[in-house]
Amino acid sequence: MRIAATGTLPAPPERVWEVLADWERQAAWMPDVAWMRLRGGERGLGARLDVRTKVFGVPATTDVMVVTGWEPPRRMEVEHRGTVTGWGEWLLEPVAGGTRFTWVEELTMPWGIAGEAALRAYFPVQRGNMRRSIRNLAALLARTG
């Protein structure tokens, strides 16, 4: 299943990148993340992260993400390795007044048709979480400059 959301952030791509790459603080602006912890010392390409994910607001699963794309300050990609698998990508493009931020996720679940049905049922919630994350990120950037 593919989910995408786009928004304009009130900061240049370099500043947006700084916030995105601050792994441990992502739970502050992503409503479906309880916490995120970096494994080891690598913060860029190849970094491995443990992510405690919320489902309907409840911390439900801890999955691993691996950074598979790292092109500061324009593109970051991760691979999801856990109950939900797939990839996610953040694209940053300079625009008047800030940065156009595009977020795409391509996700799958085990359990065949049942997993696909679960993803489809959760799609509106996940899309809403992505949109809210972008609004939260914009507000954070507006507060911190």
N, C-alpha and C. Protein backbone atom coordinates (compact mmCIF):
# COMPACT_ATOMS: atom_id res chain seq x y z
N MET A 1 0.84 -1.16 0.00
CA MET A 1 0.00 0.00 0.00
C MET A 1 0.89 1.24 0.00
N ARG A 2 0.52 2.20 -0.80
CA ARG A 2 1.28 3.45 -0.93
C ARG A 2 0.49 4.59 -0.29
N ILE A 3 1.19 5.37 0.55
CA ILE A 3 0.61 6.54 1.20
C ILE A 3 1.54 7.70 0.94
N ALA A 4 0.99 8.87 0.66
CA ALA A 4 1.83 10.05 0.42
C ALA A 4 1.16 11.28 1.01
N ALA A 5 2.00 12.21 1.44
CA ALA A 5 1.51 13.50 1.95
C ALA A 5 2.56 14.55 1.62
N THR A 6 2.11 15.78 1.41
CA THR A 6 3.00 16.88 1.04
C THR A 6 2.57 18.14 1.80
N GLY A 7 3.55 18.95 2.14
CA GLY A 7 3.26 20.22 2.78
C GLY A 7 4.42 21.17 2.60
N THR A 8 4.20 22.43 2.93
CA THR A 8 5.26 23.44 2.87
C THR A 8 5.69 23.78 4.28
N LEU A 9 6.99 23.74 4.51
CA LEU A 9 7.56 24.00 5.83
C LEU A 9 8.25 25.36 5.83
N PRO A 10 8.15 26.11 6.95
CA PRO A 10 8.66 27.48 7.00
C PRO A 10 10.14 27.57 7.36
N ALA A 11 10.97 26.83 6.64
CA ALA A 11 12.42 26.86 6.88
C ALA A 11 13.11 26.33 5.62
N PRO A 12 14.36 26.72 5.42
CA PRO A 12 15.09 26.20 4.25
C PRO A 12 15.38 24.71 4.42
N PRO A 13 15.63 24.01 3.31
CA PRO A 13 15.88 22.57 3.38
C PRO A 13 16.98 22.17 4.37
N GLU A 14 18.02 22.97 4.49
CA GLU A 14 19.12 22.63 5.40
C GLU A 14 18.63 22.56 6.85
N ARG A 15 17.77 23.50 7.24
CA ARG A 15 17.23 23.49 8.61
C ARG A 15 16.26 22.33 8.79
N VAL A 16 15.41 22.08 7.80
CA VAL A 16 14.47 20.96 7.87
C VAL A 16 15.25 19.66 8.03
N TRP A 17 16.31 19.51 7.27
CA TRP A 17 17.14 18.30 7.33
C TRP A 17 17.68 18.08 8.74
N GLU A 18 18.16 19.15 9.38
CA GLU A 18 18.69 19.04 10.75
C GLU A 18 17.65 18.43 11.69
N VAL A 19 16.41 18.88 11.55
CA VAL A 19 15.34 18.38 12.42
C VAL A 19 14.99 16.93 12.06
N LEU A 20 14.90 16.63 10.78
CA LEU A 20 14.57 15.26 10.37
C LEU A 20 15.62 14.26 10.83
N ALA A 21 16.89 14.66 10.75
CA ALA A 21 17.99 13.75 11.09
C ALA A 21 18.23 13.65 12.59
N ASP A 22 17.49 14.39 13.39
CA ASP A 22 17.58 14.28 14.85
C ASP A 22 16.64 13.16 15.29
N TRP A 23 17.08 11.94 15.08
CA TRP A 23 16.26 10.74 15.26
C TRP A 23 15.55 10.70 16.61
N GLU A 24 16.29 10.97 17.65
CA GLU A 24 15.74 10.82 18.99
C GLU A 24 14.60 11.80 19.30
N ARG A 25 14.49 12.88 18.54
CA ARG A 25 13.44 13.87 18.78
C ARG A 25 12.24 13.72 17.84
N GLN A 26 12.24 12.71 17.00
CA GLN A 26 11.13 12.58 16.05
C GLN A 26 9.79 12.33 16.73
N ALA A 27 9.80 11.68 17.89
CA ALA A 27 8.54 11.44 18.60
C ALA A 27 7.86 12.75 19.00
N ALA A 28 8.62 13.85 19.05
CA ALA A 28 8.05 15.15 19.42
C ALA A 28 7.10 15.68 18.35
N TRP A 29 7.28 15.25 17.10
CA TRP A 29 6.41 15.78 16.05
C TRP A 29 5.67 14.69 15.27
N MET A 30 5.99 13.42 15.51
CA MET A 30 5.31 12.32 14.82
C MET A 30 4.34 11.65 15.80
N PRO A 31 3.03 11.83 15.63
CA PRO A 31 2.07 11.31 16.61
C PRO A 31 2.01 9.79 16.72
N ASP A 32 2.49 9.08 15.73
CA ASP A 32 2.44 7.61 15.81
C ASP A 32 3.76 6.99 16.26
N VAL A 33 4.69 7.80 16.77
CA VAL A 33 5.96 7.30 17.29
C VAL A 33 6.03 7.59 18.78
N ALA A 34 6.16 6.53 19.59
CA ALA A 34 6.32 6.69 21.04
C ALA A 34 7.75 7.09 21.36
N TRP A 35 8.71 6.43 20.70
CA TRP A 35 10.13 6.77 20.83
C TRP A 35 10.91 6.15 19.70
N MET A 36 12.10 6.71 19.49
CA MET A 36 13.00 6.21 18.46
C MET A 36 14.40 6.25 19.04
N ARG A 37 15.14 5.14 18.88
CA ARG A 37 16.50 5.06 19.42
C ARG A 37 17.46 4.59 18.34
N LEU A 38 18.57 5.28 18.28
CA LEU A 38 19.63 4.94 17.33
C LEU A 38 20.41 3.76 17.87
N ARG A 39 20.67 2.77 17.01
CA ARG A 39 21.53 1.64 17.36
C ARG A 39 22.93 1.96 16.85
N GLY A 40 23.93 1.94 17.70
CA GLY A 40 25.29 2.22 17.26
C GLY A 40 25.51 3.70 17.04
N GLY A 41 26.63 4.02 16.41
CA GLY A 41 27.03 5.41 16.26
C GLY A 41 26.68 6.05 14.93
N GLU A 42 26.35 5.26 13.92
CA GLU A 42 26.07 5.80 12.59
C GLU A 42 24.73 6.52 12.59
N ARG A 43 24.71 7.80 12.15
CA ARG A 43 23.48 8.58 12.11
C ARG A 43 22.94 8.77 10.69
N GLY A 44 23.77 8.50 9.69
CA GLY A 44 23.37 8.72 8.30
C GLY A 44 23.12 7.41 7.59
N LEU A 45 23.63 7.28 6.37
CA LEU A 45 23.44 6.08 5.57
C LEU A 45 23.88 4.85 6.35
N GLY A 46 23.00 3.86 6.42
CA GLY A 46 23.30 2.63 7.14
C GLY A 46 22.87 2.64 8.59
N ALA A 47 22.44 3.80 9.10
CA ALA A 47 22.00 3.86 10.50
C ALA A 47 20.84 2.90 10.72
N ARG A 48 20.83 2.29 11.91
CA ARG A 48 19.75 1.39 12.31
C ARG A 48 19.05 2.00 13.51
N LEU A 49 17.72 2.00 13.45
CA LEU A 49 16.92 2.63 14.50
C LEU A 49 15.86 1.67 15.01
N ASP A 50 15.67 1.65 16.32
CA ASP A 50 14.53 0.96 16.92
C ASP A 50 13.43 1.99 17.07
N VAL A 51 12.24 1.65 16.60
CA VAL A 51 11.12 2.60 16.61
C VAL A 51 9.92 1.94 17.29
N ARG A 52 9.48 2.57 18.37
CA ARG A 52 8.27 2.11 19.06
C ARG A 52 7.10 2.85 18.43
N THR A 53 6.26 2.09 17.73
CA THR A 53 5.17 2.66 16.95
C THR A 53 3.84 2.53 17.67
N LYS A 54 3.05 3.60 17.60
CA LYS A 54 1.72 3.59 18.18
C LYS A 54 0.70 3.22 17.10
N VAL A 55 -0.29 2.42 17.49
CA VAL A 55 -1.43 2.10 16.63
C VAL A 55 -2.66 2.56 17.39
N PHE A 56 -3.43 3.45 16.79
CA PHE A 56 -4.57 4.09 17.44
C PHE A 56 -4.15 4.72 18.77
N GLY A 57 -2.95 5.32 18.79
CA GLY A 57 -2.47 6.03 19.96
C GLY A 57 -1.83 5.17 21.05
N VAL A 58 -1.79 3.86 20.86
CA VAL A 58 -1.24 2.95 21.86
C VAL A 58 0.08 2.37 21.35
N PRO A 59 1.17 2.49 22.14
CA PRO A 59 2.43 1.86 21.70
C PRO A 59 2.20 0.35 21.50
N ALA A 60 2.43 -0.11 20.27
CA ALA A 60 2.02 -1.47 19.93
C ALA A 60 3.16 -2.38 19.48
N THR A 61 4.15 -1.83 18.81
CA THR A 61 5.21 -2.67 18.26
C THR A 61 6.51 -1.88 18.18
N THR A 62 7.61 -2.60 18.34
CA THR A 62 8.92 -1.99 18.15
C THR A 62 9.54 -2.62 16.92
N ASP A 63 9.80 -1.80 15.93
CA ASP A 63 10.35 -2.27 14.66
C ASP A 63 11.71 -1.64 14.42
N VAL A 64 12.40 -2.16 13.43
CA VAL A 64 13.71 -1.64 13.04
C VAL A 64 13.56 -0.90 11.72
N MET A 65 14.21 0.25 11.64
CA MET A 65 14.33 0.97 10.38
C MET A 65 15.81 1.11 10.07
N VAL A 66 16.14 1.01 8.79
CA VAL A 66 17.52 1.17 8.33
C VAL A 66 17.54 2.30 7.30
N VAL A 67 18.46 3.24 7.46
CA VAL A 67 18.58 4.36 6.52
C VAL A 67 19.25 3.83 5.25
N THR A 68 18.53 3.87 4.13
CA THR A 68 19.03 3.34 2.86
C THR A 68 19.29 4.42 1.82
N GLY A 69 18.87 5.64 2.09
CA GLY A 69 19.12 6.77 1.21
C GLY A 69 19.45 7.98 2.06
N TRP A 70 20.53 8.69 1.71
CA TRP A 70 20.99 9.82 2.53
C TRP A 70 21.65 10.83 1.60
N GLU A 71 20.88 11.84 1.19
CA GLU A 71 21.37 12.87 0.28
C GLU A 71 21.02 14.25 0.84
N PRO A 72 21.76 14.69 1.89
CA PRO A 72 21.45 15.98 2.52
C PRO A 72 21.61 17.13 1.53
N PRO A 73 20.76 18.12 1.57
CA PRO A 73 19.54 18.23 2.35
C PRO A 73 18.30 17.98 1.49
N ARG A 74 18.31 16.97 0.65
CA ARG A 74 17.17 16.83 -0.26
C ARG A 74 16.43 15.52 -0.23
N ARG A 75 17.06 14.42 0.21
CA ARG A 75 16.37 13.13 0.16
C ARG A 75 16.89 12.19 1.24
N MET A 76 15.93 11.56 1.94
CA MET A 76 16.25 10.54 2.93
C MET A 76 15.29 9.37 2.70
N GLU A 77 15.82 8.16 2.76
CA GLU A 77 14.99 6.97 2.58
C GLU A 77 15.30 5.96 3.68
N VAL A 78 14.26 5.27 4.15
CA VAL A 78 14.44 4.23 5.15
C VAL A 78 13.75 2.95 4.69
N GLU A 79 14.26 1.84 5.17
CA GLU A 79 13.62 0.55 4.96
C GLU A 79 13.00 0.13 6.28
N HIS A 80 11.74 -0.26 6.24
CA HIS A 80 11.03 -0.75 7.43
C HIS A 80 11.23 -2.26 7.53
N ARG A 81 11.72 -2.71 8.67
CA ARG A 81 11.93 -4.14 8.91
C ARG A 81 11.26 -4.51 10.22
N GLY A 82 10.10 -5.06 10.12
CA GLY A 82 9.37 -5.43 11.33
C GLY A 82 8.05 -6.04 10.92
N THR A 83 7.04 -5.85 11.77
CA THR A 83 5.71 -6.35 11.43
C THR A 83 5.26 -5.72 10.12
N VAL A 84 5.46 -4.42 10.01
CA VAL A 84 5.21 -3.72 8.75
C VAL A 84 6.55 -3.59 8.04
N THR A 85 6.57 -3.96 6.78
CA THR A 85 7.80 -3.85 5.99
C THR A 85 7.56 -2.91 4.82
N GLY A 86 8.65 -2.50 4.19
CA GLY A 86 8.55 -1.61 3.03
C GLY A 86 9.59 -0.52 3.14
N TRP A 87 9.25 0.64 2.59
CA TRP A 87 10.19 1.77 2.60
C TRP A 87 9.43 3.08 2.76
N GLY A 88 10.17 4.09 3.20
CA GLY A 88 9.65 5.43 3.30
C GLY A 88 10.67 6.40 2.75
N GLU A 89 10.19 7.51 2.19
CA GLU A 89 11.09 8.49 1.60
C GLU A 89 10.60 9.89 1.93
N TRP A 90 11.56 10.76 2.29
CA TRP A 90 11.31 12.18 2.49
C TRP A 90 12.07 12.94 1.43
N LEU A 91 11.37 13.82 0.72
CA LEU A 91 11.98 14.66 -0.30
C LEU A 91 11.81 16.12 0.11
N LEU A 92 12.89 16.89 0.01
CA LEU A 92 12.88 18.30 0.37
C LEU A 92 13.25 19.12 -0.86
N GLU A 93 12.41 20.10 -1.16
CA GLU A 93 12.64 20.95 -2.33
C GLU A 93 12.49 22.41 -1.91
N PRO A 94 13.50 23.24 -2.18
CA PRO A 94 13.37 24.65 -1.81
C PRO A 94 12.26 25.32 -2.61
N VAL A 95 11.44 26.10 -1.91
CA VAL A 95 10.38 26.89 -2.54
C VAL A 95 10.37 28.26 -1.86
N ALA A 96 9.67 29.21 -2.45
CA ALA A 96 9.56 30.53 -1.84
C ALA A 96 9.00 30.39 -0.43
N GLY A 97 9.72 30.91 0.54
CA GLY A 97 9.25 30.88 1.92
C GLY A 97 9.58 29.62 2.69
N GLY A 98 10.32 28.68 2.08
CA GLY A 98 10.65 27.49 2.85
C GLY A 98 10.99 26.27 2.02
N THR A 99 10.36 25.16 2.40
CA THR A 99 10.68 23.86 1.80
C THR A 99 9.40 23.09 1.51
N ARG A 100 9.31 22.57 0.30
CA ARG A 100 8.23 21.64 -0.02
C ARG A 100 8.68 20.28 0.46
N PHE A 101 7.89 19.68 1.34
CA PHE A 101 8.22 18.40 1.98
C PHE A 101 7.26 17.34 1.48
N THR A 102 7.79 16.30 0.86
CA THR A 102 6.97 15.20 0.36
C THR A 102 7.37 13.93 1.10
N TRP A 103 6.38 13.23 1.60
CA TRP A 103 6.59 12.01 2.37
C TRP A 103 5.82 10.89 1.69
N VAL A 104 6.52 9.83 1.32
CA VAL A 104 5.91 8.67 0.66
C VAL A 104 6.27 7.42 1.45
N GLU A 105 5.30 6.57 1.68
CA GLU A 105 5.52 5.26 2.32
C GLU A 105 4.92 4.18 1.42
N GLU A 106 5.66 3.11 1.25
CA GLU A 106 5.18 1.91 0.53
C GLU A 106 5.29 0.78 1.54
N LEU A 107 4.14 0.29 2.03
CA LEU A 107 4.13 -0.63 3.16
C LEU A 107 3.40 -1.93 2.83
N THR A 108 3.86 -3.00 3.46
CA THR A 108 3.19 -4.29 3.37
C THR A 108 3.19 -4.92 4.75
N MET A 109 2.29 -5.89 4.93
CA MET A 109 2.22 -6.66 6.18
C MET A 109 2.17 -8.13 5.85
N PRO A 110 2.58 -8.96 6.81
CA PRO A 110 2.45 -10.40 6.60
C PRO A 110 0.97 -10.80 6.66
N TRP A 111 0.70 -12.03 6.57
CA TRP A 111 -0.63 -12.63 6.70
C TRP A 111 -1.48 -12.49 5.45
N GLY A 112 -0.83 -12.32 4.28
CA GLY A 112 -1.56 -12.36 3.00
C GLY A 112 -2.70 -11.37 2.92
N ILE A 113 -3.86 -11.88 2.55
CA ILE A 113 -5.03 -11.03 2.36
C ILE A 113 -5.43 -10.34 3.66
N ALA A 114 -5.28 -11.02 4.80
CA ALA A 114 -5.64 -10.41 6.09
C ALA A 114 -4.73 -9.21 6.38
N GLY A 115 -3.45 -9.33 6.10
CA GLY A 115 -2.52 -8.22 6.30
C GLY A 115 -2.85 -7.05 5.39
N GLU A 116 -3.15 -7.36 4.14
CA GLU A 116 -3.53 -6.31 3.18
C GLU A 116 -4.81 -5.61 3.62
N ALA A 117 -5.77 -6.38 4.12
CA ALA A 117 -7.03 -5.79 4.59
C ALA A 117 -6.78 -4.89 5.80
N ALA A 118 -5.90 -5.32 6.70
CA ALA A 118 -5.57 -4.50 7.87
C ALA A 118 -4.94 -3.18 7.46
N LEU A 119 -4.01 -3.23 6.49
CA LEU A 119 -3.38 -2.00 6.01
C LEU A 119 -4.41 -1.08 5.35
N ARG A 120 -5.28 -1.65 4.56
CA ARG A 120 -6.30 -0.82 3.89
C ARG A 120 -7.24 -0.17 4.91
N ALA A 121 -7.60 -0.92 5.95
CA ALA A 121 -8.48 -0.38 6.98
C ALA A 121 -7.79 0.74 7.75
N TYR A 122 -6.49 0.61 7.96
CA TYR A 122 -5.73 1.59 8.73
C TYR A 122 -5.27 2.78 7.89
N PHE A 123 -5.40 2.67 6.57
CA PHE A 123 -4.92 3.70 5.64
C PHE A 123 -5.36 5.12 6.04
N PRO A 124 -6.66 5.37 6.31
CA PRO A 124 -7.06 6.74 6.65
C PRO A 124 -6.38 7.25 7.92
N VAL A 125 -6.16 6.38 8.89
CA VAL A 125 -5.49 6.77 10.12
C VAL A 125 -4.03 7.12 9.83
N GLN A 126 -3.36 6.28 9.06
CA GLN A 126 -1.95 6.52 8.75
C GLN A 126 -1.78 7.78 7.91
N ARG A 127 -2.64 7.99 6.94
CA ARG A 127 -2.57 9.22 6.14
C ARG A 127 -2.79 10.44 7.04
N GLY A 128 -3.73 10.34 7.97
CA GLY A 128 -3.96 11.43 8.92
C GLY A 128 -2.75 11.67 9.80
N ASN A 129 -2.09 10.60 10.25
CA ASN A 129 -0.87 10.74 11.05
C ASN A 129 0.23 11.44 10.26
N MET A 130 0.37 11.10 9.00
CA MET A 130 1.39 11.74 8.17
C MET A 130 1.09 13.23 8.00
N ARG A 131 -0.15 13.56 7.73
CA ARG A 131 -0.52 14.97 7.57
C ARG A 131 -0.32 15.74 8.86
N ARG A 132 -0.71 15.13 9.98
CA ARG A 132 -0.53 15.78 11.27
C ARG A 132 0.95 15.94 11.59
N SER A 133 1.76 14.94 11.24
CA SER A 133 3.21 15.04 11.44
C SER A 133 3.79 16.24 10.70
N ILE A 134 3.35 16.44 9.46
CA ILE A 134 3.85 17.57 8.67
C ILE A 134 3.42 18.89 9.31
N ARG A 135 2.19 18.98 9.79
CA ARG A 135 1.75 20.19 10.48
C ARG A 135 2.56 20.42 11.76
N ASN A 136 2.79 19.34 12.52
CA ASN A 136 3.59 19.44 13.74
C ASN A 136 5.02 19.88 13.44
N LEU A 137 5.59 19.32 12.37
CA LEU A 137 6.94 19.69 11.97
C LEU A 137 7.01 21.16 11.57
N ALA A 138 6.00 21.63 10.84
CA ALA A 138 5.95 23.04 10.45
C ALA A 138 5.88 23.93 11.69
N ALA A 139 5.07 23.55 12.66
CA ALA A 139 4.95 24.34 13.89
C ALA A 139 6.26 24.34 14.67
N LEU A 140 6.92 23.20 14.74
CA LEU A 140 8.21 23.11 15.43
C LEU A 140 9.24 24.01 14.76
N LEU A 141 9.30 23.97 13.44
CA LEU A 141 10.24 24.81 12.71
C LEU A 141 9.92 26.30 12.88
N ALA A 142 8.65 26.65 12.92
CA ALA A 142 8.25 28.06 13.11
C ALA A 142 8.68 28.54 14.50
N ARG A 143 8.59 27.66 15.51
CA ARG A 143 8.97 28.03 16.88
C ARG A 143 10.48 28.14 17.06
N THR A 144 11.22 27.24 16.40
CA THR A 144 12.66 27.16 16.64
C THR A 144 13.49 27.87 15.59
N GLY A 145 12.84 28.29 14.52
CA GLY A 145 13.57 29.02 13.47
C GLY A 145 14.38 28.13 12.71
